[in-house]
Amino acid sequence: IHKKIVFSQDYKGQKLAEQIFQGIILVSAVIGFIYGYITEQFGWTVYIVMAGFTLSCLLTLPPWPMYRRNPLKWLPVQESGTEEKKSGDRKPKRHAKS
């Protein structure tokens, strides 16, 4: 009934998102430059790069399921009560004489 909403990506998902982001930006910059050069309109270059930026943001910023395929396997919580020493068992620290 109550679904858990996940707002995170795993490490491999972050790497994939970064590669997709950079690829889209690069491709849109090249296409924008070529189209702007052919039409001799710098505005088209800016529009195409901005469209590529918007597309890359829509594909990489939300935590889509493809970015959460490799979750980290955490170690189980260990009880620390047996490892703690009593305060009386500790030796006092010696300070160096000057």
C-alpha atoms as a PDB file:
ATOM      1  CA  ILE A   1       0.000   0.000   0.000  1.00  0.00           C
ATOM      2  CA  HIS A   2       2.782   2.439   0.901  1.00  0.00           C
ATOM      3  CA  LYS A   3       5.556   2.406  -1.695  1.00  0.00           C
ATOM      4  CA  LYS A   4       9.045   3.471  -0.825  1.00  0.00           C
ATOM      5  CA  ILE A   5      10.264   6.326  -3.033  1.00  0.00           C
ATOM      6  CA  VAL A   6      13.967   6.083  -3.814  1.00  0.00           C
ATOM      7  CA  PHE A   7      15.866   9.313  -4.451  1.00  0.00           C
ATOM      8  CA  SER A   8      19.341   7.881  -4.918  1.00  0.00           C
ATOM      9  CA  GLN A   9      21.506   6.269  -7.560  1.00  0.00           C
ATOM     10  CA  ASP A  10      24.171   3.627  -7.104  1.00  0.00           C
ATOM     11  CA  TYR A  11      27.787   4.230  -8.118  1.00  0.00           C
ATOM     12  CA  LYS A  12      27.508   2.502 -11.490  1.00  0.00           C
ATOM     13  CA  GLY A  13      24.293   4.416 -12.124  1.00  0.00           C
ATOM     14  CA  GLN A  14      26.057   7.694 -11.376  1.00  0.00           C
ATOM     15  CA  LYS A  15      28.804   6.790 -13.842  1.00  0.00           C
ATOM     16  CA  LEU A  16      26.214   5.888 -16.505  1.00  0.00           C
ATOM     17  CA  ALA A  17      24.322   9.139 -15.907  1.00  0.00           C
ATOM     18  CA  GLU A  18      27.549  11.132 -16.249  1.00  0.00           C
ATOM     19  CA  GLN A  19      28.434   9.374 -19.512  1.00  0.00           C
ATOM     20  CA  ILE A  20      24.942   9.969 -20.933  1.00  0.00           C
ATOM     21  CA  PHE A  21      25.043  13.620 -19.849  1.00  0.00           C
ATOM     22  CA  GLN A  22      28.445  14.265 -21.430  1.00  0.00           C
ATOM     23  CA  GLY A  23      27.531  12.379 -24.611  1.00  0.00           C
ATOM     24  CA  ILE A  24      24.331  14.333 -25.172  1.00  0.00           C
ATOM     25  CA  ILE A  25      26.061  17.657 -24.491  1.00  0.00           C
ATOM     26  CA  LEU A  26      28.896  16.792 -26.889  1.00  0.00           C
ATOM     27  CA  VAL A  27      26.592  15.598 -29.672  1.00  0.00           C
ATOM     28  CA  SER A  28      24.281  18.597 -29.333  1.00  0.00           C
ATOM     29  CA  ALA A  29      27.259  20.996 -29.337  1.00  0.00           C
ATOM     30  CA  VAL A  30      28.662  19.451 -32.531  1.00  0.00           C
ATOM     31  CA  ILE A  31      25.255  19.413 -34.252  1.00  0.00           C
ATOM     32  CA  GLY A  32      24.524  22.958 -33.072  1.00  0.00           C
ATOM     33  CA  PHE A  33      27.882  24.241 -34.288  1.00  0.00           C
ATOM     34  CA  ILE A  34      27.526  22.599 -37.709  1.00  0.00           C
ATOM     35  CA  TYR A  35      23.921  23.750 -38.169  1.00  0.00           C
ATOM     36  CA  GLY A  36      24.743  27.266 -36.954  1.00  0.00           C
ATOM     37  CA  TYR A  37      27.747  27.437 -39.304  1.00  0.00           C
ATOM     38  CA  ILE A  38      25.702  26.295 -42.308  1.00  0.00           C
ATOM     39  CA  THR A  39      22.831  28.714 -41.619  1.00  0.00           C
ATOM     40  CA  GLU A  40      25.218  31.435 -40.388  1.00  0.00           C
ATOM     41  CA  GLN A  41      23.026  31.911 -37.326  1.00  0.00           C
ATOM     42  CA  PHE A  42      24.739  31.633 -33.941  1.00  0.00           C
ATOM     43  CA  GLY A  43      21.326  31.641 -32.255  1.00  0.00           C
ATOM     44  CA  TRP A  44      20.551  28.184 -33.645  1.00  0.00           C
ATOM     45  CA  THR A  45      23.774  26.872 -32.120  1.00  0.00           C
ATOM     46  CA  VAL A  46      22.710  28.178 -28.711  1.00  0.00           C
ATOM     47  CA  TYR A  47      19.163  26.788 -29.076  1.00  0.00           C
ATOM     48  CA  ILE A  48      20.397  23.325 -30.053  1.00  0.00           C
ATOM     49  CA  VAL A  49      22.915  23.194 -27.195  1.00  0.00           C
ATOM     50  CA  MET A  50      20.221  24.360 -24.738  1.00  0.00           C
ATOM     51  CA  ALA A  51      17.851  21.673 -26.056  1.00  0.00           C
ATOM     52  CA  GLY A  52      20.595  19.059 -25.579  1.00  0.00           C
ATOM     53  CA  PHE A  53      21.209  20.320 -22.055  1.00  0.00           C
ATOM     54  CA  THR A  54      17.493  20.114 -21.247  1.00  0.00           C
ATOM     55  CA  LEU A  55      17.235  16.591 -22.682  1.00  0.00           C
ATOM     56  CA  SER A  56      20.303  15.435 -20.755  1.00  0.00           C
ATOM     57  CA  CYS A  57      18.891  16.879 -17.522  1.00  0.00           C
ATOM     58  CA  LEU A  58      15.591  15.050 -18.048  1.00  0.00           C
ATOM     59  CA  LEU A  59      17.436  11.775 -18.675  1.00  0.00           C
ATOM     60  CA  THR A  60      20.042  11.973 -15.921  1.00  0.00           C
ATOM     61  CA  LEU A  61      18.786  14.006 -12.955  1.00  0.00           C
ATOM     62  CA  PRO A  62      15.787  11.891 -11.848  1.00  0.00           C
ATOM     63  CA  PRO A  63      16.761   8.558 -10.254  1.00  0.00           C
ATOM     64  CA  TRP A  64      15.398   6.372 -13.066  1.00  0.00           C
ATOM     65  CA  PRO A  65      15.424   2.594 -12.393  1.00  0.00           C
ATOM     66  CA  MET A  66      18.303   2.096 -14.850  1.00  0.00           C
ATOM     67  CA  TYR A  67      20.529   4.044 -12.422  1.00  0.00           C
ATOM     68  CA  ARG A  68      19.631   1.790  -9.461  1.00  0.00           C
ATOM     69  CA  ARG A  69      20.449  -1.680 -10.799  1.00  0.00           C
ATOM     70  CA  ASN A  70      23.557  -2.273  -8.650  1.00  0.00           C
ATOM     71  CA  PRO A  71      22.746  -1.395  -5.030  1.00  0.00           C
ATOM     72  CA  LEU A  72      25.495  -1.574  -2.437  1.00  0.00           C
ATOM     73  CA  LYS A  73      25.494  -4.587  -0.154  1.00  0.00           C
ATOM     74  CA  TRP A  74      26.036  -3.242   3.344  1.00  0.00           C
ATOM     75  CA  LEU A  75      27.484  -5.325   6.163  1.00  0.00           C
ATOM     76  CA  PRO A  76      25.075  -6.235   8.960  1.00  0.00           C
ATOM     77  CA  VAL A  77      25.145  -4.185  12.154  1.00  0.00           C
ATOM     78  CA  GLN A  78      27.410  -5.714  14.794  1.00  0.00           C
ATOM     79  CA  GLU A  79      26.902  -5.438  18.507  1.00  0.00           C
ATOM     80  CA  SER A  80      29.719  -3.398  20.046  1.00  0.00           C
ATOM     81  CA  GLY A  81      29.003  -4.260  23.712  1.00  0.00           C
ATOM     82  CA  THR A  82      31.562  -7.090  23.855  1.00  0.00           C
ATOM     83  CA  GLU A  83      34.329  -5.023  22.300  1.00  0.00           C
ATOM     84  CA  GLU A  84      34.073  -2.061  24.633  1.00  0.00           C
ATOM     85  CA  LYS A  85      36.521  -1.902  27.496  1.00  0.00           C
ATOM     86  CA  LYS A  86      35.501  -0.809  30.924  1.00  0.00           C
ATOM     87  CA  SER A  87      36.761   2.621  31.873  1.00  0.00           C
ATOM     88  CA  GLY A  88      38.670   1.099  34.816  1.00  0.00           C
ATOM     89  CA  ASP A  89      40.683  -1.189  32.515  1.00  0.00           C
ATOM     90  CA  ARG A  90      42.277   1.711  30.678  1.00  0.00           C
ATOM     91  CA  LYS A  91      45.711   2.904  31.606  1.00  0.00           C
ATOM     92  CA  PRO A  92      46.085   6.622  32.208  1.00  0.00           C
ATOM     93  CA  LYS A  93      47.966   8.473  29.475  1.00  0.00           C
ATOM     94  CA  ARG A  94      51.364   9.810  30.356  1.00  0.00           C
ATOM     95  CA  HIS A  95      52.178  13.317  29.299  1.00  0.00           C
ATOM     96  CA  ALA A  96      55.654  14.105  28.036  1.00  0.00           C
ATOM     97  CA  LYS A  97      57.756  16.174  30.405  1.00  0.00           C
ATOM     98  CA  SER A  98      59.069  19.401  28.991  1.00  0.00           C
END
